[in-house]
């Protein structure tokens, strides 16, 4: 089972990665008018790194969703929630 600190650290990592991706995308948009080979080479490398970061973020988010779904299933089994209404009511207790 995941500890609250670990889950919080993973949330922070995902948030940080999203921010880096957003900043990199903004940088690419704002430097498209530079035509020198040096800039174009740097932009191409950044675009490749950005693509890899987006793929990694998707993997992180998928894994996080799977953990959340597994925790929800386990709670439903533990509390014998058979209907959606029971699940919702328990969520508010």
PDB file of N, CA and C in Angstrom:
ATOM      1  N   UNK A   1       0.847  -1.187   0.000  1.00  0.00           N
ATOM      2  CA  UNK A   1       0.000   0.000   0.000  1.00  0.00           C
ATOM      3  C   UNK A   1       0.887   1.243   0.000  1.00  0.00           C
ATOM      4  N   UNK A   2       0.424   2.254  -0.630  1.00  0.00           N
ATOM      5  CA  UNK A   2       1.174   3.489  -0.783  1.00  0.00           C
ATOM      6  C   UNK A   2       1.041   4.374   0.457  1.00  0.00           C
ATOM      7  N   UNK A   3       2.144   4.955   0.888  1.00  0.00           N
ATOM      8  CA  UNK A   3       2.092   5.874   2.017  1.00  0.00           C
ATOM      9  C   UNK A   3       1.642   7.249   1.539  1.00  0.00           C
ATOM     10  N   UNK A   4       1.039   8.041   2.443  1.00  0.00           N
ATOM     11  CA  UNK A   4       0.600   9.395   2.030  1.00  0.00           C
ATOM     12  C   UNK A   4       1.753  10.250   1.504  1.00  0.00           C
ATOM     13  N   UNK A   5       2.934  10.145   2.123  1.00  0.00           N
ATOM     14  CA  UNK A   5       4.087  10.926   1.644  1.00  0.00           C
ATOM     15  C   UNK A   5       4.479  10.535   0.236  1.00  0.00           C
ATOM     16  N   UNK A   6       4.483   9.243  -0.049  1.00  0.00           N
ATOM     17  CA  UNK A   6       4.854   8.775  -1.387  1.00  0.00           C
ATOM     18  C   UNK A   6       3.842   9.262  -2.428  1.00  0.00           C
ATOM     19  N   UNK A   7       2.563   9.159  -2.089  1.00  0.00           N
ATOM     20  CA  UNK A   7       1.523   9.626  -3.008  1.00  0.00           C
ATOM     21  C   UNK A   7       1.658  11.129  -3.235  1.00  0.00           C
ATOM     22  N   UNK A   8       1.944  11.873  -2.162  1.00  0.00           N
ATOM     23  CA  UNK A   8       2.111  13.321  -2.289  1.00  0.00           C
ATOM     24  C   UNK A   8       3.335  13.644  -3.140  1.00  0.00           C
ATOM     25  N   UNK A   9       4.416  12.899  -2.951  1.00  0.00           N
ATOM     26  CA  UNK A   9       5.623  13.111  -3.755  1.00  0.00           C
ATOM     27  C   UNK A   9       5.366  12.819  -5.227  1.00  0.00           C
ATOM     28  N   UNK A  10       4.593  11.781  -5.506  1.00  0.00           N
ATOM     29  CA  UNK A  10       4.264  11.451  -6.893  1.00  0.00           C
ATOM     30  C   UNK A  10       3.386  12.530  -7.505  1.00  0.00           C
ATOM     31  N   UNK A  11       2.437  13.039  -6.732  1.00  0.00           N
ATOM     32  CA  UNK A  11       1.594  14.138  -7.212  1.00  0.00           C
ATOM     33  C   UNK A  11       2.455  15.355  -7.538  1.00  0.00           C
ATOM     34  N   UNK A  12       3.408  15.654  -6.662  1.00  0.00           N
ATOM     35  CA  UNK A  12       4.304  16.798  -6.870  1.00  0.00           C
ATOM     36  C   UNK A  12       5.152  16.585  -8.120  1.00  0.00           C
ATOM     37  N   UNK A  13       5.647  15.364  -8.311  1.00  0.00           N
ATOM     38  CA  UNK A  13       6.452  15.056  -9.492  1.00  0.00           C
ATOM     39  C   UNK A  13       5.637  15.242 -10.765  1.00  0.00           C
ATOM     40  N   UNK A  14       4.426  14.753 -10.763  1.00  0.00           N
ATOM     41  CA  UNK A  14       3.561  14.904 -11.936  1.00  0.00           C
ATOM     42  C   UNK A  14       3.280  16.378 -12.198  1.00  0.00           C
ATOM     43  N   UNK A  15       2.994  17.133 -11.140  1.00  0.00           N
ATOM     44  CA  UNK A  15       2.753  18.565 -11.302  1.00  0.00           C
ATOM     45  C   UNK A  15       3.974  19.293 -11.834  1.00  0.00           C
ATOM     46  N   UNK A  16       5.155  18.948 -11.300  1.00  0.00           N
ATOM     47  CA  UNK A  16       6.391  19.567 -11.770  1.00  0.00           C
ATOM     48  C   UNK A  16       6.653  19.236 -13.235  1.00  0.00           C
ATOM     49  N   UNK A  17       6.421  17.980 -13.608  1.00  0.00           N
ATOM     50  CA  UNK A  17       6.638  17.574 -14.996  1.00  0.00           C
ATOM     51  C   UNK A  17       5.672  18.311 -15.923  1.00  0.00           C
ATOM     52  N   UNK A  18       4.429  18.459 -15.505  1.00  0.00           N
ATOM     53  CA  UNK A  18       3.462  19.227 -16.316  1.00  0.00           C
ATOM     54  C   UNK A  18       3.949  20.661 -16.528  1.00  0.00           C
ATOM     55  N   UNK A  19       4.458  21.271 -15.458  1.00  0.00           N
ATOM     56  CA  UNK A  19       4.939  22.649 -15.545  1.00  0.00           C
ATOM     57  C   UNK A  19       6.135  22.761 -16.494  1.00  0.00           C
ATOM     58  N   UNK A  20       7.063  21.830 -16.409  1.00  0.00           N
ATOM     59  CA  UNK A  20       8.222  21.838 -17.304  1.00  0.00           C
ATOM     60  C   UNK A  20       7.769  21.689 -18.755  1.00  0.00           C
ATOM     61  N   UNK A  21       6.821  20.797 -18.985  1.00  0.00           N
ATOM     62  CA  UNK A  21       6.306  20.590 -20.344  1.00  0.00           C
ATOM     63  C   UNK A  21       5.640  21.858 -20.859  1.00  0.00           C
ATOM     64  N   UNK A  22       4.810  22.482 -20.031  1.00  0.00           N
ATOM     65  CA  UNK A  22       4.147  23.725 -20.447  1.00  0.00           C
ATOM     66  C   UNK A  22       5.172  24.804 -20.781  1.00  0.00           C
ATOM     67  N   UNK A  23       6.197  24.940 -19.946  1.00  0.00           N
ATOM     68  CA  UNK A  23       7.230  25.952 -20.199  1.00  0.00           C
ATOM     69  C   UNK A  23       8.005  25.647 -21.468  1.00  0.00           C
ATOM     70  N   UNK A  24       8.316  24.392 -21.697  1.00  0.00           N
ATOM     71  CA  UNK A  24       9.050  24.013 -22.904  1.00  0.00           C
ATOM     72  C   UNK A  24       8.211  24.260 -24.154  1.00  0.00           C
ATOM     73  N   UNK A  25       6.915  23.944 -24.072  1.00  0.00           N
ATOM     74  CA  UNK A  25       6.036  24.206 -25.216  1.00  0.00           C
ATOM     75  C   UNK A  25       5.957  25.704 -25.511  1.00  0.00           C
ATOM     76  N   UNK A  26       5.886  26.503 -24.459  1.00  0.00           N
ATOM     77  CA  UNK A  26       5.848  27.959 -24.626  1.00  0.00           C
ATOM     78  C   UNK A  26       7.150  28.456 -25.253  1.00  0.00           C
ATOM     79  N   UNK A  27       8.261  27.916 -24.792  1.00  0.00           N
ATOM     80  CA  UNK A  27       9.563  28.287 -25.346  1.00  0.00           C
ATOM     81  C   UNK A  27       9.637  27.943 -26.835  1.00  0.00           C
ATOM     82  N   UNK A  28       9.179  26.768 -27.205  1.00  0.00           N
ATOM     83  CA  UNK A  28       9.169  26.398 -28.623  1.00  0.00           C
ATOM     84  C   UNK A  28       8.309  27.358 -29.447  1.00  0.00           C
ATOM     85  N   UNK A  29       7.141  27.714 -28.910  1.00  0.00           N
ATOM     86  CA  UNK A  29       6.265  28.644 -29.636  1.00  0.00           C
ATOM     87  C   UNK A  29       6.913  30.012 -29.808  1.00  0.00           C
ATOM     88  N   UNK A  30       7.602  30.458 -28.778  1.00  0.00           N
ATOM     89  CA  UNK A  30       8.158  31.816 -28.798  1.00  0.00           C
ATOM     90  C   UNK A  30       9.503  31.921 -29.509  1.00  0.00           C
ATOM     91  N   UNK A  31      10.074  30.818 -29.936  1.00  0.00           N
ATOM     92  CA  UNK A  31      11.368  30.870 -30.625  1.00  0.00           C
ATOM     93  C   UNK A  31      11.287  30.370 -32.059  1.00  0.00           C
ATOM     94  N   UNK A  32      10.073  30.205 -32.571  1.00  0.00           N
ATOM     95  CA  UNK A  32       9.953  29.669 -33.932  1.00  0.00           C
ATOM     96  C   UNK A  32      10.426  30.641 -35.002  1.00  0.00           C
ATOM     97  N   UNK A  33      10.576  31.901 -34.663  1.00  0.00           N
ATOM     98  CA  UNK A  33      11.014  32.886 -35.657  1.00  0.00           C
ATOM     99  C   UNK A  33      12.540  32.954 -35.808  1.00  0.00           C
ATOM    100  N   UNK A  34      13.273  32.305 -34.916  1.00  0.00           N
ATOM    101  CA  UNK A  34      14.730  32.260 -35.054  1.00  0.00           C
ATOM    102  C   UNK A  34      15.087  31.207 -36.096  1.00  0.00           C
ATOM    103  N   UNK A  35      15.853  31.630 -37.094  1.00  0.00           N
ATOM    104  CA  UNK A  35      16.099  30.736 -38.227  1.00  0.00           C
ATOM    105  C   UNK A  35      17.524  30.202 -38.293  1.00  0.00           C
ATOM    106  N   UNK A  36      18.398  30.638 -37.410  1.00  0.00           N
ATOM    107  CA  UNK A  36      19.777  30.158 -37.497  1.00  0.00           C
ATOM    108  C   UNK A  36      19.821  28.655 -37.207  1.00  0.00           C
ATOM    109  N   UNK A  37      20.822  28.012 -37.760  1.00  0.00           N
ATOM    110  CA  UNK A  37      20.978  26.564 -37.593  1.00  0.00           C
ATOM    111  C   UNK A  37      21.129  26.199 -36.121  1.00  0.00           C
ATOM    112  N   UNK A  38      21.819  27.041 -35.365  1.00  0.00           N
ATOM    113  CA  UNK A  38      22.022  26.780 -33.941  1.00  0.00           C
ATOM    114  C   UNK A  38      20.676  26.740 -33.196  1.00  0.00           C
ATOM    115  N   UNK A  39      19.836  27.717 -33.445  1.00  0.00           N
ATOM    116  CA  UNK A  39      18.515  27.742 -32.809  1.00  0.00           C
ATOM    117  C   UNK A  39      17.647  26.578 -33.283  1.00  0.00           C
ATOM    118  N   UNK A  40      17.667  26.322 -34.571  1.00  0.00           N
ATOM    119  CA  UNK A  40      16.831  25.252 -35.110  1.00  0.00           C
ATOM    120  C   UNK A  40      17.263  23.889 -34.553  1.00  0.00           C
ATOM    121  N   UNK A  41      18.572  23.688 -34.395  1.00  0.00           N
ATOM    122  CA  UNK A  41      19.085  22.445 -33.822  1.00  0.00           C
ATOM    123  C   UNK A  41      18.642  22.317 -32.363  1.00  0.00           C
ATOM    124  N   UNK A  42      18.767  23.400 -31.613  1.00  0.00           N
ATOM    125  CA  UNK A  42      18.352  23.387 -30.208  1.00  0.00           C
ATOM    126  C   UNK A  42      16.850  23.153 -30.085  1.00  0.00           C
ATOM    127  N   UNK A  43      16.071  23.768 -30.958  1.00  0.00           N
ATOM    128  CA  UNK A  43      14.622  23.586 -30.936  1.00  0.00           C
ATOM    129  C   UNK A  43      14.239  22.146 -31.276  1.00  0.00           C
ATOM    130  N   UNK A  44      14.962  21.552 -32.218  1.00  0.00           N
ATOM    131  CA  UNK A  44      14.685  20.157 -32.583  1.00  0.00           C
ATOM    132  C   UNK A  44      14.974  19.228 -31.406  1.00  0.00           C
ATOM    133  N   UNK A  45      16.084  19.470 -30.712  1.00  0.00           N
ATOM    134  CA  UNK A  45      16.411  18.658 -29.540  1.00  0.00           C
ATOM    135  C   UNK A  45      15.371  18.835 -28.437  1.00  0.00           C
ATOM    136  N   UNK A  46      14.936  20.070 -28.230  1.00  0.00           N
ATOM    137  CA  UNK A  46      13.913  20.339 -27.222  1.00  0.00           C
ATOM    138  C   UNK A  46      12.594  19.668 -27.594  1.00  0.00           C
ATOM    139  N   UNK A  47      12.253  19.682 -28.853  1.00  0.00           N
ATOM    140  CA  UNK A  47      11.015  19.039 -29.303  1.00  0.00           C
ATOM    141  C   UNK A  47      11.060  17.536 -29.036  1.00  0.00           C
ATOM    142  N   UNK A  48      12.214  16.901 -29.272  1.00  0.00           N
ATOM    143  CA  UNK A  48      12.352  15.472 -28.993  1.00  0.00           C
ATOM    144  C   UNK A  48      12.248  15.188 -27.496  1.00  0.00           C
ATOM    145  N   UNK A  49      12.905  16.016 -26.688  1.00  0.00           N
ATOM    146  CA  UNK A  49      12.847  15.843 -25.239  1.00  0.00           C
ATOM    147  C   UNK A  49      11.420  16.071 -24.736  1.00  0.00           C
ATOM    148  N   UNK A  50      10.737  17.013 -25.334  1.00  0.00           N
ATOM    149  CA  UNK A  50       9.362  17.311 -24.954  1.00  0.00           C
ATOM    150  C   UNK A  50       8.442  16.138 -25.292  1.00  0.00           C
ATOM    151  N   UNK A  51       8.657  15.536 -26.413  1.00  0.00           N
ATOM    152  CA  UNK A  51       7.873  14.362 -26.795  1.00  0.00           C
ATOM    153  C   UNK A  51       8.083  13.226 -25.790  1.00  0.00           C
ATOM    154  N   UNK A  52       9.326  13.000 -25.397  1.00  0.00           N
ATOM    155  CA  UNK A  52       9.625  11.957 -24.413  1.00  0.00           C
ATOM    156  C   UNK A  52       8.998  12.294 -23.059  1.00  0.00           C
ATOM    157  N   UNK A  53       9.041  13.558 -22.672  1.00  0.00           N
ATOM    158  CA  UNK A  53       8.452  13.973 -21.395  1.00  0.00           C
ATOM    159  C   UNK A  53       6.941  13.784 -21.409  1.00  0.00           C
ATOM    160  N   UNK A  54       6.301  14.091 -22.526  1.00  0.00           N
ATOM    161  CA  UNK A  54       4.853  13.886 -22.631  1.00  0.00           C
ATOM    162  C   UNK A  54       4.492  12.409 -22.518  1.00  0.00           C
ATOM    163  N   UNK A  55       5.296  11.553 -23.125  1.00  0.00           N
ATOM    164  CA  UNK A  55       5.062  10.106 -23.035  1.00  0.00           C
ATOM    165  C   UNK A  55       5.239   9.624 -21.596  1.00  0.00           C
ATOM    166  N   UNK A  56       6.260  10.115 -20.931  1.00  0.00           N
ATOM    167  CA  UNK A  56       6.510   9.731 -19.536  1.00  0.00           C
ATOM    168  C   UNK A  56       5.377  10.234 -18.637  1.00  0.00           C
ATOM    169  N   UNK A  57       4.920  11.448 -18.860  1.00  0.00           N
ATOM    170  CA  UNK A  57       3.806  11.989 -18.085  1.00  0.00           C
ATOM    171  C   UNK A  57       2.558  11.125 -18.276  1.00  0.00           C
ATOM    172  N   UNK A  58       2.294  10.714 -19.481  1.00  0.00           N
ATOM    173  CA  UNK A  58       1.136   9.851 -19.749  1.00  0.00           C
ATOM    174  C   UNK A  58       1.268   8.539 -18.987  1.00  0.00           C
ATOM    175  N   UNK A  59       2.479   7.968 -18.947  1.00  0.00           N
ATOM    176  CA  UNK A  59       2.705   6.731 -18.187  1.00  0.00           C
ATOM    177  C   UNK A  59       2.468   6.956 -16.694  1.00  0.00           C
ATOM    178  N   UNK A  60       2.981   8.061 -16.159  1.00  0.00           N
ATOM    179  CA  UNK A  60       2.770   8.394 -14.743  1.00  0.00           C
ATOM    180  C   UNK A  60       1.281   8.517 -14.435  1.00  0.00           C
ATOM    181  N   UNK A  61       0.567   9.254 -15.292  1.00  0.00           N
ATOM    182  CA  UNK A  61      -0.855   9.472 -15.056  1.00  0.00           C
ATOM    183  C   UNK A  61      -1.648   8.179 -15.164  1.00  0.00           C
ATOM    184  N   UNK A  62      -1.286   7.328 -16.127  1.00  0.00           N
ATOM    185  CA  UNK A  62      -1.960   6.029 -16.257  1.00  0.00           C
ATOM    186  C   UNK A  62      -1.724   5.169 -15.017  1.00  0.00           C
ATOM    187  N   UNK A  63      -0.485   5.147 -14.534  1.00  0.00           N
ATOM    188  CA  UNK A  63      -0.167   4.360 -13.345  1.00  0.00           C
ATOM    189  C   UNK A  63      -0.905   4.906 -12.128  1.00  0.00           C
ATOM    190  N   UNK A  64      -0.982   6.214 -12.019  1.00  0.00           N
ATOM    191  CA  UNK A  64      -1.696   6.832 -10.909  1.00  0.00           C
ATOM    192  C   UNK A  64      -3.183   6.477 -10.966  1.00  0.00           C
ATOM    193  N   UNK A  65      -3.766   6.523 -12.143  1.00  0.00           N
ATOM    194  CA  UNK A  65      -5.173   6.170 -12.311  1.00  0.00           C
ATOM    195  C   UNK A  65      -5.410   4.710 -11.941  1.00  0.00           C
ATOM    196  N   UNK A  66      -4.511   3.826 -12.357  1.00  0.00           N
ATOM    197  CA  UNK A  66      -4.635   2.404 -12.013  1.00  0.00           C
ATOM    198  C   UNK A  66      -4.594   2.199 -10.501  1.00  0.00           C
ATOM    199  N   UNK A  67      -3.696   2.920  -9.817  1.00  0.00           N
ATOM    200  CA  UNK A  67      -3.609   2.802  -8.352  1.00  0.00           C
ATOM    201  C   UNK A  67      -4.897   3.296  -7.695  1.00  0.00           C
ATOM    202  N   UNK A  68      -5.433   4.390  -8.200  1.00  0.00           N
ATOM    203  CA  UNK A  68      -6.673   4.930  -7.639  1.00  0.00           C
ATOM    204  C   UNK A  68      -7.836   3.960  -7.853  1.00  0.00           C
ATOM    205  N   UNK A  69      -7.911   3.366  -9.031  1.00  0.00           N
ATOM    206  CA  UNK A  69      -8.979   2.416  -9.316  1.00  0.00           C
ATOM    207  C   UNK A  69      -8.849   1.176  -8.436  1.00  0.00           C
ATOM    208  N   UNK A  70      -7.625   0.703  -8.239  1.00  0.00           N
ATOM    209  CA  UNK A  70      -7.400  -0.468  -7.385  1.00  0.00           C
ATOM    210  C   UNK A  70      -7.787  -0.159  -5.943  1.00  0.00           C
ATOM    211  N   UNK A  71      -7.442   1.030  -5.464  1.00  0.00           N
ATOM    212  CA  UNK A  71      -7.804   1.423  -4.104  1.00  0.00           C
ATOM    213  C   UNK A  71      -9.320   1.524  -3.958  1.00  0.00           C
ATOM    214  N   UNK A  72      -9.983   2.030  -4.967  1.00  0.00           N
ATOM    215  CA  UNK A  72     -11.444   2.141  -4.938  1.00  0.00           C
ATOM    216  C   UNK A  72     -12.084   0.762  -4.919  1.00  0.00           C
ATOM    217  N   UNK A  73     -11.582  -0.148  -5.762  1.00  0.00           N
ATOM    218  CA  UNK A  73     -12.112  -1.518  -5.771  1.00  0.00           C
ATOM    219  C   UNK A  73     -11.921  -2.189  -4.417  1.00  0.00           C
ATOM    220  N   UNK A  74     -10.743  -2.009  -3.832  1.00  0.00           N
ATOM    221  CA  UNK A  74     -10.456  -2.620  -2.528  1.00  0.00           C
ATOM    222  C   UNK A  74     -11.391  -2.066  -1.459  1.00  0.00           C
ATOM    223  N   UNK A  75     -11.628  -0.765  -1.476  1.00  0.00           N
ATOM    224  CA  UNK A  75     -12.536  -0.161  -0.498  1.00  0.00           C
ATOM    225  C   UNK A  75     -13.964  -0.658  -0.710  1.00  0.00           C
ATOM    226  N   UNK A  76     -14.378  -0.797  -1.958  1.00  0.00           N
ATOM    227  CA  UNK A  76     -15.723  -1.293  -2.248  1.00  0.00           C
ATOM    228  C   UNK A  76     -15.904  -2.715  -1.721  1.00  0.00           C
ATOM    229  N   UNK A  77     -14.871  -3.533  -1.896  1.00  0.00           N
ATOM    230  CA  UNK A  77     -14.929  -4.909  -1.392  1.00  0.00           C
ATOM    231  C   UNK A  77     -14.905  -4.928   0.134  1.00  0.00           C
ATOM    232  N   UNK A  78     -14.064  -4.120   0.726  1.00  0.00           N
ATOM    233  CA  UNK A  78     -13.923  -4.105   2.182  1.00  0.00           C
ATOM    234  C   UNK A  78     -15.219  -3.667   2.856  1.00  0.00           C
ATOM    235  N   UNK A  79     -15.886  -2.693   2.282  1.00  0.00           N
ATOM    236  CA  UNK A  79     -17.113  -2.176   2.886  1.00  0.00           C
ATOM    237  C   UNK A  79     -18.375  -2.772   2.265  1.00  0.00           C
ATOM    238  N   UNK A  80     -18.210  -3.762   1.402  1.00  0.00           N
ATOM    239  CA  UNK A  80     -19.332  -4.466   0.765  1.00  0.00           C
ATOM    240  C   UNK A  80     -20.284  -3.504   0.052  1.00  0.00           C
ATOM    241  N   UNK A  81     -19.725  -2.528  -0.643  1.00  0.00           N
ATOM    242  CA  UNK A  81     -20.536  -1.595  -1.422  1.00  0.00           C
ATOM    243  C   UNK A  81     -20.978  -2.292  -2.706  1.00  0.00           C
ATOM    244  N   UNK A  82     -22.265  -2.563  -2.795  1.00  0.00           N
ATOM    245  CA  UNK A  82     -22.786  -3.274  -3.972  1.00  0.00           C
ATOM    246  C   UNK A  82     -23.413  -2.336  -4.993  1.00  0.00           C
ATOM    247  N   UNK A  83     -23.803  -1.150  -4.540  1.00  0.00           N
ATOM    248  CA  UNK A  83     -24.460  -0.231  -5.466  1.00  0.00           C
ATOM    249  C   UNK A  83     -23.686   1.078  -5.532  1.00  0.00           C
ATOM    250  N   UNK A  84     -23.923   1.808  -6.565  1.00  0.00           N
ATOM    251  CA  UNK A  84     -23.298   3.120  -6.710  1.00  0.00           C
ATOM    252  C   UNK A  84     -23.732   4.058  -5.595  1.00  0.00           C
ATOM    253  N   UNK A  85     -24.985   3.924  -5.171  1.00  0.00           N
ATOM    254  CA  UNK A  85     -25.485   4.773  -4.089  1.00  0.00           C
ATOM    255  C   UNK A  85     -24.707   4.522  -2.800  1.00  0.00           C
ATOM    256  N   UNK A  86     -24.442   3.258  -2.482  1.00  0.00           N
ATOM    257  CA  UNK A  86     -23.669   2.939  -1.281  1.00  0.00           C
ATOM    258  C   UNK A  86     -22.267   3.529  -1.367  1.00  0.00           C
ATOM    259  N   UNK A  87     -21.670   3.463  -2.519  1.00  0.00           N
ATOM    260  CA  UNK A  87     -20.307   4.009  -2.702  1.00  0.00           C
ATOM    261  C   UNK A  87     -20.295   5.514  -2.500  1.00  0.00           C
ATOM    262  N   UNK A  88     -21.277   6.183  -3.063  1.00  0.00           N
ATOM    263  CA  UNK A  88     -21.344   7.639  -2.942  1.00  0.00           C
ATOM    264  C   UNK A  88     -21.588   8.051  -1.503  1.00  0.00           C
ATOM    265  N   UNK A  89     -22.530   7.378  -0.842  1.00  0.00           N
ATOM    266  CA  UNK A  89     -22.833   7.717   0.552  1.00  0.00           C
ATOM    267  C   UNK A  89     -21.608   7.499   1.448  1.00  0.00           C
ATOM    268  N   UNK A  90     -20.875   6.425   1.233  1.00  0.00           N
ATOM    269  CA  UNK A  90     -19.672   6.177   2.026  1.00  0.00           C
ATOM    270  C   UNK A  90     -18.634   7.241   1.775  1.00  0.00           C
ATOM    271  N   UNK A  91     -18.545   7.743   0.569  1.00  0.00           N
ATOM    272  CA  UNK A  91     -17.554   8.772   0.240  1.00  0.00           C
ATOM    273  C   UNK A  91     -17.786  10.052   1.030  1.00  0.00           C
ATOM    274  N   UNK A  92     -19.019  10.306   1.442  1.00  0.00           N
ATOM    275  CA  UNK A  92     -19.338  11.527   2.167  1.00  0.00           C
ATOM    276  C   UNK A  92     -19.327  11.346   3.682  1.00  0.00           C
ATOM    277  N   UNK A  93     -18.995  10.160   4.170  1.00  0.00           N
ATOM    278  CA  UNK A  93     -18.901   9.933   5.626  1.00  0.00           C
ATOM    279  C   UNK A  93     -17.531  10.185   6.126  1.00  0.00           C
TER     280      UNK A  93
END
